[in-house]
mmCIF file of all heavy atoms, coordinates in Angstrom:
data_MODEL
# 
_entry.id   MODEL 
# 
loop_
_atom_site.group_PDB 
_atom_site.id 
_atom_site.type_symbol 
_atom_site.label_atom_id 
_atom_site.label_alt_id 
_atom_site.label_comp_id 
_atom_site.label_asym_id 
_atom_site.label_entity_id 
_atom_site.label_seq_id 
_atom_site.pdbx_PDB_ins_code 
_atom_site.Cartn_x 
_atom_site.Cartn_y 
_atom_site.Cartn_z 
_atom_site.occupancy 
_atom_site.B_iso_or_equiv 
_atom_site.pdbx_formal_charge 
_atom_site.auth_seq_id 
_atom_site.auth_comp_id 
_atom_site.auth_asym_id 
_atom_site.auth_atom_id 
_atom_site.pdbx_PDB_model_num 
ATOM 1   N N   . LEU A 1 1  ? 6.275   -4.714 14.711  1.00 0.00 ? 1  LEU A N   1 
ATOM 2   C CA  . LEU A 1 1  ? 6.786   -5.169 13.426  1.00 0.00 ? 1  LEU A CA  1 
ATOM 3   C C   . LEU A 1 1  ? 5.645   -5.453 12.450  1.00 0.00 ? 1  LEU A C   1 
ATOM 4   O O   . LEU A 1 1  ? 5.762   -5.191 11.239  1.00 0.00 ? 1  LEU A O   1 
ATOM 5   C CB  . LEU A 1 1  ? 7.647   -6.422 13.608  1.00 0.00 ? 1  LEU A CB  1 
ATOM 6   C CG  . LEU A 1 1  ? 8.977   -6.223 14.342  1.00 0.00 ? 1  LEU A CG  1 
ATOM 7   C CD1 . LEU A 1 1  ? 9.601   -7.563 14.692  1.00 0.00 ? 1  LEU A CD1 1 
ATOM 8   C CD2 . LEU A 1 1  ? 9.942   -5.398 13.505  1.00 0.00 ? 1  LEU A CD2 1 
ATOM 9   N N   . PHE A 1 2  ? 4.547   -5.964 12.968  1.00 0.00 ? 2  PHE A N   1 
ATOM 10  C CA  . PHE A 1 2  ? 3.388   -6.218 12.115  1.00 0.00 ? 2  PHE A CA  1 
ATOM 11  C C   . PHE A 1 2  ? 2.795   -4.916 11.583  1.00 0.00 ? 2  PHE A C   1 
ATOM 12  O O   . PHE A 1 2  ? 2.307   -4.866 10.449  1.00 0.00 ? 2  PHE A O   1 
ATOM 13  C CB  . PHE A 1 2  ? 2.326   -7.011 12.882  1.00 0.00 ? 2  PHE A CB  1 
ATOM 14  C CG  . PHE A 1 2  ? 1.049   -7.203 12.098  1.00 0.00 ? 2  PHE A CG  1 
ATOM 15  C CD1 . PHE A 1 2  ? 1.059   -7.881 10.891  1.00 0.00 ? 2  PHE A CD1 1 
ATOM 16  C CD2 . PHE A 1 2  ? -0.155  -6.692 12.568  1.00 0.00 ? 2  PHE A CD2 1 
ATOM 17  C CE1 . PHE A 1 2  ? -0.123  -8.041 10.160  1.00 0.00 ? 2  PHE A CE1 1 
ATOM 18  C CE2 . PHE A 1 2  ? -1.324  -6.847 11.852  1.00 0.00 ? 2  PHE A CE2 1 
ATOM 19  C CZ  . PHE A 1 2  ? -1.311  -7.531 10.638  1.00 0.00 ? 2  PHE A CZ  1 
ATOM 20  N N   . ILE A 1 3  ? 2.840   -3.861 12.379  1.00 0.00 ? 3  ILE A N   1 
ATOM 21  C CA  . ILE A 1 3  ? 2.359   -2.547 11.898  1.00 0.00 ? 3  ILE A CA  1 
ATOM 22  C C   . ILE A 1 3  ? 3.190   -2.113 10.685  1.00 0.00 ? 3  ILE A C   1 
ATOM 23  O O   . ILE A 1 3  ? 2.651   -1.594 9.697   1.00 0.00 ? 3  ILE A O   1 
ATOM 24  C CB  . ILE A 1 3  ? 2.426   -1.500 13.028  1.00 0.00 ? 3  ILE A CB  1 
ATOM 25  C CG1 . ILE A 1 3  ? 1.393   -1.825 14.102  1.00 0.00 ? 3  ILE A CG1 1 
ATOM 26  C CG2 . ILE A 1 3  ? 2.198   -0.087 12.474  1.00 0.00 ? 3  ILE A CG2 1 
ATOM 27  C CD1 . ILE A 1 3  ? 1.502   -0.956 15.350  1.00 0.00 ? 3  ILE A CD1 1 
ATOM 28  N N   . GLY A 1 4  ? 4.500   -2.327 10.758  1.00 0.00 ? 4  GLY A N   1 
ATOM 29  C CA  . GLY A 1 4  ? 5.346   -2.033 9.600   1.00 0.00 ? 4  GLY A CA  1 
ATOM 30  C C   . GLY A 1 4  ? 4.938   -2.846 8.386   1.00 0.00 ? 4  GLY A C   1 
ATOM 31  O O   . GLY A 1 4  ? 4.868   -2.320 7.266   1.00 0.00 ? 4  GLY A O   1 
ATOM 32  N N   . ALA A 1 5  ? 4.644   -4.137 8.607   1.00 0.00 ? 5  ALA A N   1 
ATOM 33  C CA  . ALA A 1 5  ? 4.216   -5.008 7.508   1.00 0.00 ? 5  ALA A CA  1 
ATOM 34  C C   . ALA A 1 5  ? 2.865   -4.575 6.945   1.00 0.00 ? 5  ALA A C   1 
ATOM 35  O O   . ALA A 1 5  ? 2.622   -4.690 5.736   1.00 0.00 ? 5  ALA A O   1 
ATOM 36  C CB  . ALA A 1 5  ? 4.148   -6.457 7.996   1.00 0.00 ? 5  ALA A CB  1 
ATOM 37  N N   . MET A 1 6  ? 1.994   -4.062 7.795   1.00 0.00 ? 6  MET A N   1 
ATOM 38  C CA  . MET A 1 6  ? 0.685   -3.582 7.334   1.00 0.00 ? 6  MET A CA  1 
ATOM 39  C C   . MET A 1 6  ? 0.829   -2.455 6.321   1.00 0.00 ? 6  MET A C   1 
ATOM 40  O O   . MET A 1 6  ? 0.081   -2.388 5.340   1.00 0.00 ? 6  MET A O   1 
ATOM 41  C CB  . MET A 1 6  ? -0.147  -3.095 8.528   1.00 0.00 ? 6  MET A CB  1 
ATOM 42  C CG  . MET A 1 6  ? -0.716  -4.185 9.407   1.00 0.00 ? 6  MET A CG  1 
ATOM 43  S SD  . MET A 1 6  ? -1.499  -3.514 10.896  1.00 0.00 ? 6  MET A SD  1 
ATOM 44  C CE  . MET A 1 6  ? -2.855  -2.562 10.167  1.00 0.00 ? 6  MET A CE  1 
ATOM 45  N N   . GLY A 1 7  ? 1.793   -1.568 6.558   1.00 0.00 ? 7  GLY A N   1 
ATOM 46  C CA  . GLY A 1 7  ? 1.994   -0.461 5.633   1.00 0.00 ? 7  GLY A CA  1 
ATOM 47  C C   . GLY A 1 7  ? 2.489   -0.922 4.280   1.00 0.00 ? 7  GLY A C   1 
ATOM 48  O O   . GLY A 1 7  ? 1.916   -0.584 3.236   1.00 0.00 ? 7  GLY A O   1 
ATOM 49  N N   . LYS A 1 8  ? 3.553   -1.723 4.267   1.00 0.00 ? 8  LYS A N   1 
ATOM 50  C CA  . LYS A 1 8  ? 4.134   -2.173 2.996   1.00 0.00 ? 8  LYS A CA  1 
ATOM 51  C C   . LYS A 1 8  ? 3.175   -3.068 2.221   1.00 0.00 ? 8  LYS A C   1 
ATOM 52  O O   . LYS A 1 8  ? 3.099   -2.996 0.995   1.00 0.00 ? 8  LYS A O   1 
ATOM 53  C CB  . LYS A 1 8  ? 5.438   -2.926 3.253   1.00 0.00 ? 8  LYS A CB  1 
ATOM 54  C CG  . LYS A 1 8  ? 6.670   -2.060 3.398   1.00 0.00 ? 8  LYS A CG  1 
ATOM 55  C CD  . LYS A 1 8  ? 7.085   -1.402 2.083   1.00 0.00 ? 8  LYS A CD  1 
ATOM 56  C CE  . LYS A 1 8  ? 8.423   -0.681 2.226   1.00 0.00 ? 8  LYS A CE  1 
ATOM 57  N NZ  . LYS A 1 8  ? 8.305   0.567  2.994   1.00 0.00 ? 8  LYS A NZ  1 
ATOM 58  N N   . SER A 1 9  ? 2.452   -3.939 2.919   1.00 0.00 ? 9  SER A N   1 
ATOM 59  C CA  . SER A 1 9  ? 1.560   -4.879 2.236   1.00 0.00 ? 9  SER A CA  1 
ATOM 60  C C   . SER A 1 9  ? 0.116   -4.402 2.202   1.00 0.00 ? 9  SER A C   1 
ATOM 61  O O   . SER A 1 9  ? -0.801  -5.204 1.997   1.00 0.00 ? 9  SER A O   1 
ATOM 62  C CB  . SER A 1 9  ? 1.652   -6.270 2.885   1.00 0.00 ? 9  SER A CB  1 
ATOM 63  O OG  . SER A 1 9  ? 2.899   -6.862 2.591   1.00 0.00 ? 9  SER A OG  1 
ATOM 64  N N   . ALA A 1 10 ? -0.089  -3.105 2.419   1.00 0.00 ? 10 ALA A N   1 
ATOM 65  C CA  . ALA A 1 10 ? -1.389  -2.449 2.195   1.00 0.00 ? 10 ALA A CA  1 
ATOM 66  C C   . ALA A 1 10 ? -2.541  -3.141 2.923   1.00 0.00 ? 10 ALA A C   1 
ATOM 67  O O   . ALA A 1 10 ? -3.570  -3.455 2.331   1.00 0.00 ? 10 ALA A O   1 
ATOM 68  C CB  . ALA A 1 10 ? -1.678  -2.379 0.692   1.00 0.00 ? 10 ALA A CB  1 
ATOM 69  N N   . GLN A 1 11 ? -2.365  -3.366 4.222   1.00 0.00 ? 11 GLN A N   1 
ATOM 70  C CA  . GLN A 1 11 ? -3.421  -3.959 5.028   1.00 0.00 ? 11 GLN A CA  1 
ATOM 71  C C   . GLN A 1 11 ? -4.279  -2.852 5.657   1.00 0.00 ? 11 GLN A C   1 
ATOM 72  O O   . GLN A 1 11 ? -3.770  -1.793 6.007   1.00 0.00 ? 11 GLN A O   1 
ATOM 73  C CB  . GLN A 1 11 ? -2.823  -4.841 6.129   1.00 0.00 ? 11 GLN A CB  1 
ATOM 74  C CG  . GLN A 1 11 ? -2.003  -6.002 5.614   1.00 0.00 ? 11 GLN A CG  1 
ATOM 75  C CD  . GLN A 1 11 ? -2.804  -6.988 4.799   1.00 0.00 ? 11 GLN A CD  1 
ATOM 76  O OE1 . GLN A 1 11 ? -3.718  -7.636 5.306   1.00 0.00 ? 11 GLN A OE1 1 
ATOM 77  N NE2 . GLN A 1 11 ? -2.475  -7.114 3.519   1.00 0.00 ? 11 GLN A NE2 1 
ATOM 78  N N   . PHE A 1 12 ? -5.560  -3.112 5.783   1.00 0.00 ? 12 PHE A N   1 
ATOM 79  C CA  . PHE A 1 12 ? -6.482  -2.157 6.401   1.00 0.00 ? 12 PHE A CA  1 
ATOM 80  C C   . PHE A 1 12 ? -5.984  -1.795 7.805   1.00 0.00 ? 12 PHE A C   1 
ATOM 81  O O   . PHE A 1 12 ? -5.602  -2.664 8.570   1.00 0.00 ? 12 PHE A O   1 
ATOM 82  C CB  . PHE A 1 12 ? -7.881  -2.785 6.492   1.00 0.00 ? 12 PHE A CB  1 
ATOM 83  C CG  . PHE A 1 12 ? -8.879  -1.926 7.216   1.00 0.00 ? 12 PHE A CG  1 
ATOM 84  C CD1 . PHE A 1 12 ? -9.559  -0.929 6.551   1.00 0.00 ? 12 PHE A CD1 1 
ATOM 85  C CD2 . PHE A 1 12 ? -9.137  -2.119 8.570   1.00 0.00 ? 12 PHE A CD2 1 
ATOM 86  C CE1 . PHE A 1 12 ? -10.469 -0.137 7.223   1.00 0.00 ? 12 PHE A CE1 1 
ATOM 87  C CE2 . PHE A 1 12 ? -10.045 -1.334 9.243   1.00 0.00 ? 12 PHE A CE2 1 
ATOM 88  C CZ  . PHE A 1 12 ? -10.714 -0.331 8.571   1.00 0.00 ? 12 PHE A CZ  1 
ATOM 89  N N   . PRO A 1 13 ? -5.960  -0.510 8.180   1.00 0.00 ? 13 PRO A N   1 
ATOM 90  C CA  . PRO A 1 13 ? -6.428  0.673  7.443   1.00 0.00 ? 13 PRO A CA  1 
ATOM 91  C C   . PRO A 1 13 ? -5.321  1.406  6.685   1.00 0.00 ? 13 PRO A C   1 
ATOM 92  O O   . PRO A 1 13 ? -5.529  2.545  6.263   1.00 0.00 ? 13 PRO A O   1 
ATOM 93  C CB  . PRO A 1 13 ? -6.954  1.543  8.585   1.00 0.00 ? 13 PRO A CB  1 
ATOM 94  C CG  . PRO A 1 13 ? -6.014  1.264  9.717   1.00 0.00 ? 13 PRO A CG  1 
ATOM 95  C CD  . PRO A 1 13 ? -5.624  -0.188 9.594   1.00 0.00 ? 13 PRO A CD  1 
ATOM 96  N N   . LEU A 1 14 ? -4.161  0.763  6.484   1.00 0.00 ? 14 LEU A N   1 
ATOM 97  C CA  . LEU A 1 14 ? -3.041  1.409  5.804   1.00 0.00 ? 14 LEU A CA  1 
ATOM 98  C C   . LEU A 1 14 ? -2.966  0.996  4.329   1.00 0.00 ? 14 LEU A C   1 
ATOM 99  O O   . LEU A 1 14 ? -1.899  1.045  3.716   1.00 0.00 ? 14 LEU A O   1 
ATOM 100 C CB  . LEU A 1 14 ? -1.728  1.068  6.515   1.00 0.00 ? 14 LEU A CB  1 
ATOM 101 C CG  . LEU A 1 14 ? -1.628  1.539  7.975   1.00 0.00 ? 14 LEU A CG  1 
ATOM 102 C CD1 . LEU A 1 14 ? -0.342  1.036  8.625   1.00 0.00 ? 14 LEU A CD1 1 
ATOM 103 C CD2 . LEU A 1 14 ? -1.678  3.062  8.055   1.00 0.00 ? 14 LEU A CD2 1 
ATOM 104 N N   . HIS A 1 15 ? -4.112  0.630  3.779   1.00 0.00 ? 15 HIS A N   1 
ATOM 105 C CA  . HIS A 1 15 ? -4.175  0.180  2.387   1.00 0.00 ? 15 HIS A CA  1 
ATOM 106 C C   . HIS A 1 15 ? -4.360  1.328  1.400   1.00 0.00 ? 15 HIS A C   1 
ATOM 107 O O   . HIS A 1 15 ? -4.284  1.121  0.187   1.00 0.00 ? 15 HIS A O   1 
ATOM 108 C CB  . HIS A 1 15 ? -5.364  -0.779 2.228   1.00 0.00 ? 15 HIS A CB  1 
ATOM 109 C CG  . HIS A 1 15 ? -6.694  -0.107 2.409   1.00 0.00 ? 15 HIS A CG  1 
ATOM 110 N ND1 . HIS A 1 15 ? -7.146  0.279  3.644   1.00 0.00 ? 15 HIS A ND1 1 
ATOM 111 C CD2 . HIS A 1 15 ? -7.631  0.291  1.514   1.00 0.00 ? 15 HIS A CD2 1 
ATOM 112 C CE1 . HIS A 1 15 ? -8.327  0.872  3.508   1.00 0.00 ? 15 HIS A CE1 1 
ATOM 113 N NE2 . HIS A 1 15 ? -8.636  0.897  2.226   1.00 0.00 ? 15 HIS A NE2 1 
ATOM 114 N N   . VAL A 1 16 ? -4.588  2.532  1.893   1.00 0.00 ? 16 VAL A N   1 
ATOM 115 C CA  . VAL A 1 16 ? -5.089  3.622  1.046   1.00 0.00 ? 16 VAL A CA  1 
ATOM 116 C C   . VAL A 1 16 ? -4.096  4.067  -0.030  1.00 0.00 ? 16 VAL A C   1 
ATOM 117 O O   . VAL A 1 16 ? -4.493  4.650  -1.039  1.00 0.00 ? 16 VAL A O   1 
ATOM 118 C CB  . VAL A 1 16 ? -5.481  4.835  1.916   1.00 0.00 ? 16 VAL A CB  1 
ATOM 119 C CG1 . VAL A 1 16 ? -6.696  4.501  2.771   1.00 0.00 ? 16 VAL A CG1 1 
ATOM 120 C CG2 . VAL A 1 16 ? -4.323  5.274  2.818   1.00 0.00 ? 16 VAL A CG2 1 
ATOM 121 N N   . TRP A 1 17 ? -2.808  3.795  0.166   1.00 0.00 ? 17 TRP A N   1 
ATOM 122 C CA  . TRP A 1 17 ? -1.813  4.255  -0.807  1.00 0.00 ? 17 TRP A CA  1 
ATOM 123 C C   . TRP A 1 17 ? -1.778  3.409  -2.067  1.00 0.00 ? 17 TRP A C   1 
ATOM 124 O O   . TRP A 1 17 ? -1.445  3.904  -3.155  1.00 0.00 ? 17 TRP A O   1 
ATOM 125 C CB  . TRP A 1 17 ? -0.418  4.261  -0.173  1.00 0.00 ? 17 TRP A CB  1 
ATOM 126 C CG  . TRP A 1 17 ? 0.120   2.894  0.157   1.00 0.00 ? 17 TRP A CG  1 
ATOM 127 C CD1 . TRP A 1 17 ? -0.036  2.212  1.325   1.00 0.00 ? 17 TRP A CD1 1 
ATOM 128 C CD2 . TRP A 1 17 ? 0.892   2.045  -0.706  1.00 0.00 ? 17 TRP A CD2 1 
ATOM 129 N NE1 . TRP A 1 17 ? 0.590   0.990  1.267   1.00 0.00 ? 17 TRP A NE1 1 
ATOM 130 C CE2 . TRP A 1 17 ? 1.170   0.875  0.027   1.00 0.00 ? 17 TRP A CE2 1 
ATOM 131 C CE3 . TRP A 1 17 ? 1.386   2.176  -2.000  1.00 0.00 ? 17 TRP A CE3 1 
ATOM 132 C CZ2 . TRP A 1 17 ? 1.909   -0.178 -0.511  1.00 0.00 ? 17 TRP A CZ2 1 
ATOM 133 C CZ3 . TRP A 1 17 ? 2.118   1.132  -2.545  1.00 0.00 ? 17 TRP A CZ3 1 
ATOM 134 C CH2 . TRP A 1 17 ? 2.374   -0.031 -1.802  1.00 0.00 ? 17 TRP A CH2 1 
ATOM 135 N N   . LEU A 1 18 ? -2.126  2.116  -1.960  1.00 0.00 ? 18 LEU A N   1 
ATOM 136 C CA  . LEU A 1 18 ? -1.889  1.194  -3.067  1.00 0.00 ? 18 LEU A CA  1 
ATOM 137 C C   . LEU A 1 18 ? -2.750  1.474  -4.307  1.00 0.00 ? 18 LEU A C   1 
ATOM 138 O O   . LEU A 1 18 ? -2.226  1.491  -5.427  1.00 0.00 ? 18 LEU A O   1 
ATOM 139 C CB  . LEU A 1 18 ? -2.061  -0.255 -2.602  1.00 0.00 ? 18 LEU A CB  1 
ATOM 140 C CG  . LEU A 1 18 ? -1.681  -1.340 -3.608  1.00 0.00 ? 18 LEU A CG  1 
ATOM 141 C CD1 . LEU A 1 18 ? -0.242  -1.158 -4.085  1.00 0.00 ? 18 LEU A CD1 1 
ATOM 142 C CD2 . LEU A 1 18 ? -1.860  -2.726 -3.023  1.00 0.00 ? 18 LEU A CD2 1 
ATOM 143 N N   . PRO A 1 19 ? -4.063  1.708  -4.167  1.00 0.00 ? 19 PRO A N   1 
ATOM 144 C CA  . PRO A 1 19 ? -4.850  2.006  -5.383  1.00 0.00 ? 19 PRO A CA  1 
ATOM 145 C C   . PRO A 1 19 ? -4.361  3.249  -6.120  1.00 0.00 ? 19 PRO A C   1 
ATOM 146 O O   . PRO A 1 19 ? -4.374  3.284  -7.358  1.00 0.00 ? 19 PRO A O   1 
ATOM 147 C CB  . PRO A 1 19 ? -6.271  2.207  -4.825  1.00 0.00 ? 19 PRO A CB  1 
ATOM 148 C CG  . PRO A 1 19 ? -6.295  1.416  -3.559  1.00 0.00 ? 19 PRO A CG  1 
ATOM 149 C CD  . PRO A 1 19 ? -4.930  1.575  -2.984  1.00 0.00 ? 19 PRO A CD  1 
ATOM 150 N N   . ASP A 1 20 ? -3.899  4.254  -5.389  1.00 0.00 ? 20 ASP A N   1 
ATOM 151 C CA  . ASP A 1 20 ? -3.412  5.472  -6.042  1.00 0.00 ? 20 ASP A CA  1 
ATOM 152 C C   . ASP A 1 20 ? -2.054  5.265  -6.705  1.00 0.00 ? 20 ASP A C   1 
ATOM 153 O O   . ASP A 1 20 ? -1.665  6.032  -7.593  1.00 0.00 ? 20 ASP A O   1 
ATOM 154 C CB  . ASP A 1 20 ? -3.306  6.610  -5.024  1.00 0.00 ? 20 ASP A CB  1 
ATOM 155 C CG  . ASP A 1 20 ? -4.673  7.139  -4.599  1.00 0.00 ? 20 ASP A CG  1 
ATOM 156 O OD1 . ASP A 1 20 ? -5.661  6.787  -5.266  1.00 0.00 ? 20 ASP A OD1 1 
ATOM 157 O OD2 . ASP A 1 20 ? -4.742  7.881  -3.618  1.00 0.00 ? 20 ASP A OD2 1 
ATOM 158 N N   . ALA A 1 21 ? -1.325  4.234  -6.272  1.00 0.00 ? 21 ALA A N   1 
ATOM 159 C CA  . ALA A 1 21 ? 0.004   3.983  -6.844  1.00 0.00 ? 21 ALA A CA  1 
ATOM 160 C C   . ALA A 1 21 ? -0.062  3.607  -8.316  1.00 0.00 ? 21 ALA A C   1 
ATOM 161 O O   . ALA A 1 21 ? 0.948   3.662  -9.020  1.00 0.00 ? 21 ALA A O   1 
ATOM 162 C CB  . ALA A 1 21 ? 0.707   2.876  -6.059  1.00 0.00 ? 21 ALA A CB  1 
ATOM 163 N N   . MET A 1 22 ? -1.266  3.235  -8.793  1.00 0.00 ? 22 MET A N   1 
ATOM 164 C CA  . MET A 1 22 ? -1.385  2.878  -10.208 1.00 0.00 ? 22 MET A CA  1 
ATOM 165 C C   . MET A 1 22 ? -1.264  4.105  -11.116 1.00 0.00 ? 22 MET A C   1 
ATOM 166 O O   . MET A 1 22 ? -1.273  3.984  -12.343 1.00 0.00 ? 22 MET A O   1 
ATOM 167 C CB  . MET A 1 22 ? -2.697  2.130  -10.460 1.00 0.00 ? 22 MET A CB  1 
ATOM 168 C CG  . MET A 1 22 ? -3.962  2.903  -10.172 1.00 0.00 ? 22 MET A CG  1 
ATOM 169 S SD  . MET A 1 22 ? -4.543  3.792  -11.603 1.00 0.00 ? 22 MET A SD  1 
ATOM 170 C CE  . MET A 1 22 ? -5.580  5.044  -10.860 1.00 0.00 ? 22 MET A CE  1 
ATOM 171 N N   . GLU A 1 23 ? -1.144  5.307  -10.536 1.00 0.00 ? 23 GLU A N   1 
ATOM 172 C CA  . GLU A 1 23 ? -0.907  6.510  -11.337 1.00 0.00 ? 23 GLU A CA  1 
ATOM 173 C C   . GLU A 1 23 ? 0.449   6.458  -12.034 1.00 0.00 ? 23 GLU A C   1 
ATOM 174 O O   . GLU A 1 23 ? 0.668   7.143  -13.027 1.00 0.00 ? 23 GLU A O   1 
ATOM 175 C CB  . GLU A 1 23 ? -0.968  7.764  -10.455 1.00 0.00 ? 23 GLU A CB  1 
ATOM 176 C CG  . GLU A 1 23 ? -2.341  8.080  -9.900  1.00 0.00 ? 23 GLU A CG  1 
ATOM 177 C CD  . GLU A 1 23 ? -3.311  8.566  -10.963 1.00 0.00 ? 23 GLU A CD  1 
ATOM 178 O OE1 . GLU A 1 23 ? -2.853  8.927  -12.066 1.00 0.00 ? 23 GLU A OE1 1 
ATOM 179 O OE2 . GLU A 1 23 ? -4.522  8.567  -10.704 1.00 0.00 ? 23 GLU A OE2 1 
ATOM 180 N N   . GLY A 1 24 ? 1.366   5.659  -11.512 1.00 0.00 ? 24 GLY A N   1 
ATOM 181 C CA  . GLY A 1 24 ? 2.672   5.511  -12.138 1.00 0.00 ? 24 GLY A CA  1 
ATOM 182 C C   . GLY A 1 24 ? 2.568   4.754  -13.451 1.00 0.00 ? 24 GLY A C   1 
ATOM 183 O O   . GLY A 1 24 ? 1.508   4.214  -13.802 1.00 0.00 ? 24 GLY A O   1 
ATOM 184 N N   . PRO A 1 25 ? 3.668   4.683  -14.222 1.00 0.00 ? 25 PRO A N   1 
ATOM 185 C CA  . PRO A 1 25 ? 3.666   3.909  -15.471 1.00 0.00 ? 25 PRO A CA  1 
ATOM 186 C C   . PRO A 1 25 ? 3.259   2.461  -15.217 1.00 0.00 ? 25 PRO A C   1 
ATOM 187 O O   . PRO A 1 25 ? 3.555   1.895  -14.160 1.00 0.00 ? 25 PRO A O   1 
ATOM 188 C CB  . PRO A 1 25 ? 5.123   4.002  -15.938 1.00 0.00 ? 25 PRO A CB  1 
ATOM 189 C CG  . PRO A 1 25 ? 5.674   5.221  -15.275 1.00 0.00 ? 25 PRO A CG  1 
ATOM 190 C CD  . PRO A 1 25 ? 4.968   5.318  -13.953 1.00 0.00 ? 25 PRO A CD  1 
ATOM 191 N N   . THR A 1 26 ? 2.599   1.851  -16.192 1.00 0.00 ? 26 THR A N   1 
ATOM 192 C CA  . THR A 1 26 ? 2.078   0.489  -16.025 1.00 0.00 ? 26 THR A CA  1 
ATOM 193 C C   . THR A 1 26 ? 3.151   -0.527 -15.633 1.00 0.00 ? 26 THR A C   1 
ATOM 194 O O   . THR A 1 26 ? 2.892   -1.398 -14.783 1.00 0.00 ? 26 THR A O   1 
ATOM 195 C CB  . THR A 1 26 ? 1.353   0.049  -17.304 1.00 0.00 ? 26 THR A CB  1 
ATOM 196 O OG1 . THR A 1 26 ? 0.237   0.919  -17.523 1.00 0.00 ? 26 THR A OG1 1 
ATOM 197 C CG2 . THR A 1 26 ? 0.844   -1.377 -17.181 1.00 0.00 ? 26 THR A CG2 1 
ATOM 198 N N   . PRO A 1 27 ? 4.372   -0.500 -16.188 1.00 0.00 ? 27 PRO A N   1 
ATOM 199 C CA  . PRO A 1 27 ? 5.391   -1.453 -15.728 1.00 0.00 ? 27 PRO A CA  1 
ATOM 200 C C   . PRO A 1 27 ? 5.665   -1.344 -14.229 1.00 0.00 ? 27 PRO A C   1 
ATOM 201 O O   . PRO A 1 27 ? 5.935   -2.350 -13.567 1.00 0.00 ? 27 PRO A O   1 
ATOM 202 C CB  . PRO A 1 27 ? 6.630   -1.067 -16.547 1.00 0.00 ? 27 PRO A CB  1 
ATOM 203 C CG  . PRO A 1 27 ? 6.089   -0.423 -17.778 1.00 0.00 ? 27 PRO A CG  1 
ATOM 204 C CD  . PRO A 1 27 ? 4.865   0.314  -17.326 1.00 0.00 ? 27 PRO A CD  1 
# 
């Protein structure tokens, strides 16, 4: 369950998606 939480809350090493998510509209 913690592995699942690591993905959603961008914990190392599954953090890589979050910085790129800023490509979306600012809101």
